[in-house]
Amino acid sequence: MMNQKIKEFSLNALEPLQRVSQNGAKETYEFDIDCFEMKNYNHVSVLKESDFSKVFDIITKISGPCLYYFEIQSDHSAEEIVDRVNKYRLIKDSKAVPAIKKNFSKSKILYVGKVKKAIWGRLVQHLGYYKVPRTQGLQLFYWTQGTNLSLKMKVLEFEHEMADYMGVLETKLAKELKPILGKHS
């Protein structure tokens, strides 16, 4: 019975995966994120009343499942990033940040992630403006203060039928890009 279910799941995965192998992502987007003077948007809507409102005007319209990653554009090394994240973790009441790779590479990729829908909510978490401190995100507002860290967020949107396969694609992309932060085993 279970073997039959596995065969059925695999067969159903073939068609959407074949379309992606032929056509790639449905849409791609890029957003610049300058962390130098991030303001505290914890008490206003970061979607409408912030320096990020133009990004959210676009990203709130993305409806499909997505893979995304943050690429470091400035001259910051992986060691500098890890040091700042570790110092932030020591602060009482700090918000949850992704795991640091044990043997983090010299990569310029900060983080790789995926969502089944509503990528805008995930961006709120990564920027550090989500209200629940246990929800993991990059928390950029907190540990990038006083730096000139510059990032590019790259988003690949897929058709809705790919939602259940984002985990597999995220793992493969992370193995290829070797991000500094996040578990991808």
Protein backbone atom coordinates (compact mmCIF):
# COMPACT_ATOMS: atom_id res chain seq x y z
CA MET A 1 0.00 0.00 0.00
CA MET A 2 2.67 2.53 1.02
CA ASN A 3 4.87 1.51 -1.90
CA GLN A 4 1.95 2.23 -4.25
CA LYS A 5 1.51 5.69 -2.70
CA ILE A 6 5.22 6.46 -3.22
CA LYS A 7 4.91 5.42 -6.87
CA GLU A 8 1.85 7.65 -7.25
CA PHE A 9 3.56 10.68 -5.61
CA SER A 10 6.60 10.20 -7.83
CA LEU A 11 4.53 9.93 -10.98
CA ASN A 12 2.62 13.11 -10.07
CA ALA A 13 5.94 14.94 -9.51
CA LEU A 14 7.29 14.09 -12.97
CA GLU A 15 5.16 16.45 -15.03
CA PRO A 16 5.76 19.68 -13.07
CA LEU A 17 9.46 18.88 -12.64
CA GLN A 18 9.80 18.21 -16.38
CA ARG A 19 8.20 21.59 -17.14
CA VAL A 20 10.67 23.30 -14.82
CA SER A 21 13.58 21.39 -16.40
CA GLN A 22 12.47 22.69 -19.80
CA ASN A 23 11.32 26.22 -18.93
CA GLY A 24 13.01 27.10 -15.63
CA ALA A 25 11.29 29.39 -13.16
CA LYS A 26 8.04 31.11 -14.09
CA GLU A 27 9.50 34.52 -13.19
CA THR A 28 12.66 35.94 -11.60
CA TYR A 29 13.08 39.09 -9.54
CA GLU A 30 16.00 40.95 -7.96
CA PHE A 31 15.87 43.43 -5.09
CA ASP A 32 18.68 45.51 -3.60
CA ILE A 33 18.75 45.67 0.19
CA ASP A 34 21.01 48.31 1.70
CA CYS A 35 21.48 47.54 5.39
CA PHE A 36 23.51 50.66 6.20
CA GLU A 37 20.70 52.75 7.59
CA MET A 38 17.87 50.33 8.19
CA LYS A 39 15.24 52.02 10.29
CA ASN A 40 13.07 50.47 12.97
CA TYR A 41 9.80 49.49 11.32
CA ASN A 42 8.63 47.30 14.19
CA HIS A 43 5.81 49.72 15.02
CA VAL A 44 4.61 50.70 11.53
CA SER A 45 3.78 48.71 8.43
CA VAL A 46 7.02 47.85 6.68
CA LEU A 47 4.86 47.01 3.65
CA LYS A 48 3.63 50.59 3.13
CA GLU A 49 5.49 53.04 5.36
CA SER A 50 9.14 52.20 4.85
CA ASP A 51 12.17 52.42 2.63
CA PHE A 52 11.17 48.94 1.45
CA SER A 53 7.68 49.88 0.22
CA LYS A 54 8.74 49.72 -3.47
CA VAL A 55 10.08 46.19 -2.93
CA PHE A 56 6.86 45.15 -1.16
CA ASP A 57 4.73 46.71 -3.93
CA ILE A 58 6.23 44.04 -6.21
CA ILE A 59 6.81 41.15 -3.82
CA THR A 60 3.25 41.15 -2.41
CA LYS A 61 1.98 40.37 -5.91
CA ILE A 62 4.08 37.19 -6.19
CA SER A 63 1.66 34.34 -5.60
CA GLY A 64 3.53 31.17 -6.48
CA PRO A 65 6.03 29.10 -4.55
CA CYS A 66 9.54 30.57 -4.60
CA LEU A 67 13.18 29.83 -4.10
CA TYR A 68 15.24 32.82 -3.02
CA TYR A 69 18.70 33.73 -1.88
CA PHE A 70 20.57 36.70 -0.51
CA GLU A 71 23.88 37.52 -2.17
CA ILE A 72 26.41 39.81 -0.48
CA GLN A 73 27.25 42.71 -2.80
CA SER A 74 29.56 44.65 -0.46
CA ASP A 75 33.10 43.68 0.53
CA HIS A 76 32.10 41.90 3.75
CA SER A 77 33.73 38.52 4.29
CA ALA A 78 31.96 35.41 5.50
CA GLU A 79 34.02 35.65 8.72
CA GLU A 80 32.75 39.19 9.39
CA ILE A 81 29.15 38.09 8.83
CA VAL A 82 29.51 35.08 11.15
CA ASP A 83 31.14 37.24 13.83
CA ARG A 84 28.28 39.79 13.75
CA VAL A 85 25.59 37.07 13.80
CA ASN A 86 27.30 35.33 16.74
CA LYS A 87 27.52 38.61 18.68
CA TYR A 88 23.85 39.28 18.01
CA ARG A 89 22.89 35.82 19.31
CA LEU A 90 24.49 36.67 22.68
CA ILE A 91 22.12 39.59 23.23
CA LYS A 92 19.32 38.89 25.67
CA ASP A 93 15.95 38.64 23.88
CA SER A 94 17.54 38.42 20.43
CA LYS A 95 15.33 37.03 17.68
CA ALA A 96 16.02 33.61 16.15
CA VAL A 97 18.58 33.59 13.33
CA PRO A 98 19.52 30.71 10.99
CA ALA A 99 22.25 28.26 11.90
CA ILE A 100 25.80 29.05 10.90
CA LYS A 101 27.41 26.35 8.81
CA LYS A 102 30.06 24.46 10.79
CA ASN A 103 32.55 24.79 7.96
CA PHE A 104 31.13 27.94 6.42
CA SER A 105 32.64 28.69 3.08
CA LYS A 106 34.08 31.89 1.65
CA SER A 107 30.76 32.19 -0.16
CA LYS A 108 29.14 35.50 -1.05
CA ILE A 109 25.75 33.82 -0.60
CA LEU A 110 24.33 34.69 2.79
CA TYR A 111 21.23 32.49 2.82
CA VAL A 112 19.06 30.25 0.60
CA GLY A 113 15.38 29.75 1.34
CA LYS A 114 12.02 28.66 -0.01
CA VAL A 115 8.35 29.41 0.49
CA LYS A 116 5.22 27.69 -0.76
CA LYS A 117 3.39 31.05 -0.91
CA ALA A 118 3.47 34.62 0.42
CA ILE A 119 7.16 35.38 0.04
CA TRP A 120 6.50 38.89 1.30
CA GLY A 121 5.92 37.49 4.81
CA ARG A 122 9.23 35.73 4.73
CA LEU A 123 10.98 38.95 3.70
CA VAL A 124 9.43 40.74 6.71
CA GLN A 125 11.00 38.05 8.91
CA HIS A 126 14.40 38.30 7.23
CA LEU A 127 14.45 42.08 7.54
CA GLY A 128 13.78 41.64 11.28
CA TYR A 129 10.33 43.23 11.53
CA TYR A 130 8.23 40.17 12.37
CA LYS A 131 6.77 40.41 15.86
CA VAL A 132 7.34 36.81 17.05
CA PRO A 133 10.99 36.52 18.19
CA ARG A 134 11.09 32.71 17.92
CA THR A 135 10.32 32.80 14.20
CA GLN A 136 13.63 32.31 12.48
CA GLY A 137 14.84 34.84 9.94
CA LEU A 138 18.00 36.73 9.05
CA GLN A 139 16.98 39.61 11.38
CA LEU A 140 18.99 42.03 9.24
CA PHE A 141 17.78 45.13 11.10
CA TYR A 142 19.47 43.94 14.28
CA TRP A 143 22.91 42.62 13.41
CA THR A 144 23.76 44.81 10.41
CA GLN A 145 23.51 48.11 12.32
CA GLY A 146 26.58 50.26 11.68
CA THR A 147 27.73 48.27 8.67
CA ASN A 148 27.53 49.13 5.02
CA LEU A 149 26.33 45.62 4.18
CA SER A 150 24.68 45.57 0.79
CA LEU A 151 22.65 42.56 -0.37
CA LYS A 152 20.80 41.49 -3.46
CA MET A 153 17.77 39.27 -2.90
CA LYS A 154 17.14 37.03 -5.90
CA VAL A 155 13.71 35.38 -6.17
CA LEU A 156 12.66 32.58 -8.53
CA GLU A 157 8.88 32.12 -8.72
CA PHE A 158 7.40 28.80 -9.84
CA GLU A 159 3.95 27.55 -10.84
CA HIS A 160 1.64 26.62 -7.94
CA GLU A 161 1.92 22.89 -8.70
CA MET A 162 5.61 23.06 -7.66
CA ALA A 163 4.84 24.03 -4.03
CA ASP A 164 5.45 20.53 -2.64
CA TYR A 165 8.82 20.24 -4.40
CA MET A 166 10.40 23.48 -3.17
CA GLY A 167 12.26 21.65 -0.38
CA VAL A 168 14.10 19.44 -2.85
CA LEU A 169 15.02 22.39 -5.07
CA GLU A 170 16.12 24.46 -2.05
CA THR A 171 18.46 21.69 -0.87
CA LYS A 172 20.00 21.32 -4.32
CA LEU A 173 20.41 25.10 -4.76
CA ALA A 174 22.00 25.45 -1.32
CA LYS A 175 24.48 22.66 -2.06
CA GLU A 176 25.43 24.51 -5.24
CA LEU A 177 25.61 28.03 -3.75
CA LYS A 178 27.06 27.07 -0.33
CA PRO A 179 25.41 29.79 1.79
CA ILE A 180 27.00 31.02 5.03
CA LEU A 181 23.78 30.63 7.05
CA GLY A 182 21.01 28.03 7.17
CA LYS A 183 20.65 24.26 7.47
CA HIS A 184 20.28 22.47 4.17
CA SER A 185 20.92 18.79 4.78
